[in-house]
N, C-alpha and C. Protein backbone atom coordinates (compact mmCIF):
# COMPACT_ATOMS: atom_id res chain seq x y z
N UNK A 1 9.33 -36.31 11.70
CA UNK A 1 7.99 -35.86 12.20
C UNK A 1 7.61 -36.53 13.50
N UNK A 2 8.00 -37.80 13.63
CA UNK A 2 7.41 -38.47 15.27
C UNK A 2 8.33 -37.95 16.23
N UNK A 3 9.98 -37.44 16.14
CA UNK A 3 10.37 -36.69 17.08
C UNK A 3 9.66 -35.51 17.45
N UNK A 4 9.37 -34.73 16.49
CA UNK A 4 8.97 -33.31 16.80
C UNK A 4 7.51 -33.64 17.39
N UNK A 5 6.51 -34.34 17.21
CA UNK A 5 5.47 -34.55 17.88
C UNK A 5 5.90 -35.04 19.05
N UNK A 6 6.85 -36.01 19.57
CA UNK A 6 7.14 -36.37 20.88
C UNK A 6 7.53 -35.26 21.85
N UNK A 7 8.62 -34.32 21.18
CA UNK A 7 9.17 -33.53 21.89
C UNK A 7 8.25 -32.39 22.20
N UNK A 8 6.94 -32.05 21.24
CA UNK A 8 6.08 -31.09 21.36
C UNK A 8 5.31 -31.57 22.30
N UNK A 9 4.80 -32.92 22.53
CA UNK A 9 4.10 -33.46 23.56
C UNK A 9 4.75 -33.01 24.77
N UNK A 10 5.75 -33.16 24.97
CA UNK A 10 6.50 -33.24 26.17
C UNK A 10 6.85 -31.62 26.75
N UNK A 11 6.27 -30.94 26.05
CA UNK A 11 6.65 -29.43 26.50
C UNK A 11 5.50 -28.62 25.75
N UNK A 12 4.27 -28.71 26.38
CA UNK A 12 3.35 -27.94 26.06
C UNK A 12 3.00 -26.57 25.65
N UNK A 13 4.07 -25.70 26.65
CA UNK A 13 4.06 -24.40 26.45
C UNK A 13 4.62 -24.16 25.07
N UNK A 14 5.71 -25.03 24.46
CA UNK A 14 6.40 -24.60 23.37
C UNK A 14 4.99 -25.14 22.22
N UNK A 15 4.42 -26.10 22.40
CA UNK A 15 3.48 -26.56 21.44
C UNK A 15 2.57 -25.58 21.26
N UNK A 16 1.96 -24.69 22.70
CA UNK A 16 0.99 -23.71 22.59
C UNK A 16 1.46 -22.43 21.60
N UNK A 17 3.05 -22.28 21.85
CA UNK A 17 3.29 -21.00 21.34
C UNK A 17 3.43 -21.19 19.66
N UNK A 18 3.78 -22.26 19.05
CA UNK A 18 3.95 -22.86 17.73
C UNK A 18 2.69 -22.81 17.29
N UNK A 19 1.59 -23.36 18.06
CA UNK A 19 -0.20 -23.28 17.45
C UNK A 19 -0.22 -21.90 17.29
N UNK A 20 -0.15 -21.07 18.11
CA UNK A 20 -0.46 -19.59 17.97
C UNK A 20 0.18 -18.75 16.70
N UNK A 21 1.29 -19.15 16.33
CA UNK A 21 2.15 -18.47 15.63
C UNK A 21 1.45 -19.15 14.22
N UNK A 22 1.07 -20.49 14.26
CA UNK A 22 0.70 -20.80 13.09
C UNK A 22 -0.78 -20.50 12.75
N UNK A 23 -1.52 -20.09 13.64
CA UNK A 23 -2.82 -19.63 13.55
C UNK A 23 -2.97 -18.09 13.23
N UNK A 24 -1.87 -17.53 13.58
CA UNK A 24 -1.86 -16.19 13.19
C UNK A 24 -1.46 -15.76 11.56
N UNK A 25 -0.82 -16.72 11.20
CA UNK A 25 -0.36 -16.63 9.71
C UNK A 25 -1.23 -17.01 8.68
N UNK A 26 -2.11 -18.38 9.29
CA UNK A 26 -2.97 -18.94 8.50
C UNK A 26 -4.34 -18.32 8.39
N UNK A 27 -4.68 -17.51 9.40
CA UNK A 27 -5.99 -17.24 9.31
C UNK A 27 -7.11 -18.24 9.15
N UNK A 28 -6.79 -19.47 9.69
CA UNK A 28 -7.98 -20.46 9.13
C UNK A 28 -7.81 -21.19 7.98
N UNK A 29 -7.16 -20.47 7.10
CA UNK A 29 -6.77 -21.10 5.76
C UNK A 29 -5.14 -22.04 5.74
N UNK A 30 -5.52 -22.89 4.70
CA UNK A 30 -3.63 -23.41 4.59
C UNK A 30 -3.13 -22.00 4.08
N UNK A 31 -1.67 -22.27 4.80
CA UNK A 31 -0.61 -21.30 4.57
C UNK A 31 0.13 -21.73 3.28
N UNK A 32 0.20 -20.58 2.53
CA UNK A 32 1.26 -20.77 1.13
C UNK A 32 2.61 -21.14 1.62
N UNK A 33 3.19 -21.91 0.42
CA UNK A 33 4.78 -22.20 0.50
C UNK A 33 5.57 -20.58 1.25
N UNK A 34 5.65 -19.84 0.46
CA UNK A 34 6.10 -18.70 0.91
C UNK A 34 5.81 -17.97 2.38
N UNK A 35 4.41 -18.38 2.99
CA UNK A 35 4.43 -17.91 4.32
C UNK A 35 4.95 -18.81 5.11
N UNK A 36 4.94 -20.05 4.79
CA UNK A 36 5.58 -20.93 5.56
C UNK A 36 7.25 -21.04 5.87
N UNK A 37 7.97 -20.44 4.64
CA UNK A 37 9.45 -19.93 4.69
C UNK A 37 9.71 -18.86 5.35
N UNK A 38 9.00 -18.11 5.15
CA UNK A 38 9.36 -16.38 5.63
C UNK A 38 8.56 -16.03 6.66
N UNK A 39 7.53 -16.44 6.96
CA UNK A 39 6.46 -15.72 8.16
C UNK A 39 6.71 -16.51 9.45
N UNK A 40 7.37 -17.75 9.56
CA UNK A 40 7.14 -18.64 10.70
C UNK A 40 8.44 -19.01 11.20
N UNK A 41 9.29 -17.83 12.07
CA UNK A 41 10.36 -18.25 12.68
C UNK A 41 10.56 -18.99 13.77
N UNK A 42 9.30 -19.21 14.65
CA UNK A 42 9.33 -20.39 15.56
C UNK A 42 9.28 -21.63 15.18
N UNK A 43 8.50 -21.94 13.82
CA UNK A 43 8.46 -23.01 13.11
C UNK A 43 9.74 -23.61 12.99
N UNK A 44 10.52 -22.53 12.27
CA UNK A 44 11.75 -22.86 11.72
C UNK A 44 12.79 -23.20 12.96
N UNK A 45 12.66 -22.43 13.94
CA UNK A 45 13.88 -22.89 15.12
C UNK A 45 13.48 -24.11 15.82
N UNK A 46 12.02 -24.38 15.83
CA UNK A 46 11.88 -26.00 16.15
C UNK A 46 12.21 -26.78 15.68
N UNK A 47 11.86 -26.73 14.05
CA UNK A 47 12.69 -27.81 13.18
C UNK A 47 14.28 -27.85 13.10
N UNK A 48 14.72 -26.75 13.61
CA UNK A 48 16.17 -27.00 13.46
C UNK A 48 16.92 -27.38 14.88
N UNK A 49 15.93 -27.15 15.82
CA UNK A 49 16.37 -27.89 17.03
C UNK A 49 15.95 -29.41 17.45
N UNK A 50 14.80 -29.87 16.40
CA UNK A 50 14.64 -31.22 16.58
C UNK A 50 15.61 -31.94 15.54
N UNK A 51 16.04 -31.38 14.30
CA UNK A 51 17.07 -31.92 13.77
C UNK A 51 18.45 -32.00 14.60
N UNK A 52 18.78 -30.79 15.40
CA UNK A 52 19.86 -30.82 16.11
C UNK A 52 20.13 -31.95 17.19
N UNK A 53 18.72 -32.27 18.03
CA UNK A 53 18.64 -33.14 19.03
C UNK A 53 18.30 -34.29 18.63
N UNK A 54 17.63 -34.79 17.53
CA UNK A 54 17.64 -35.95 16.74
C UNK A 54 17.96 -36.05 15.37
N UNK A 55 19.31 -36.41 15.37
CA UNK A 55 19.68 -35.89 13.84
C UNK A 55 19.05 -37.32 13.03
N UNK A 56 19.01 -36.86 11.65
CA UNK A 56 18.13 -37.85 10.75
C UNK A 56 19.04 -39.14 10.39
N UNK A 57 20.57 -38.82 10.57
CA UNK A 57 21.45 -39.80 10.29
C UNK A 57 22.50 -39.83 11.76
N UNK A 58 22.54 -40.59 12.38
CA UNK A 58 23.29 -40.71 13.77
C UNK A 58 24.64 -41.15 13.40
N UNK A 59 25.07 -41.89 12.65
CA UNK A 59 26.28 -42.39 12.34
C UNK A 59 26.47 -43.07 10.88
N UNK A 60 27.61 -42.60 10.42
CA UNK A 60 27.89 -43.15 8.94
C UNK A 60 29.13 -44.13 8.98
N UNK A 61 28.89 -45.46 9.01
CA UNK A 61 30.23 -46.25 9.05
C UNK A 61 30.89 -46.32 7.76
N UNK A 62 32.10 -46.15 7.99
CA UNK A 62 33.08 -46.17 6.92
C UNK A 62 33.95 -47.10 6.96
N UNK A 63 34.41 -48.00 5.71
CA UNK A 63 35.15 -48.98 6.02
C UNK A 63 36.44 -48.52 4.79
N UNK A 64 37.48 -48.84 5.43
CA UNK A 64 38.97 -48.59 4.72
C UNK A 64 39.38 -49.81 3.97
N UNK A 65 39.30 -49.95 2.66
CA UNK A 65 39.86 -51.14 2.04
C UNK A 65 41.04 -50.70 1.36
N UNK A 66 42.04 -51.53 1.67
CA UNK A 66 43.47 -51.52 1.05
C UNK A 66 43.64 -52.31 -0.32
C-alpha cells in the first residue's frame, strides 16, 4: 500500500485517472466486492504494475544442506 501511494503521489495524472474511475463506479457510496473486481480495470492495472515494480518478496534465500 505504501508503494502504491508513493507512486501515485509522483504521478498525479495517473492518480486523477484512478480517482475518476473509482468515483464513476461508486457514485459516492462504498463499492461492492463485485464492482471492485469487475468494473475497475485501471485499478487492476495499477495494482499489477505496483507489484511488478515493487514485488512483495524481493529475494528468497535458499541453503543447500548435504
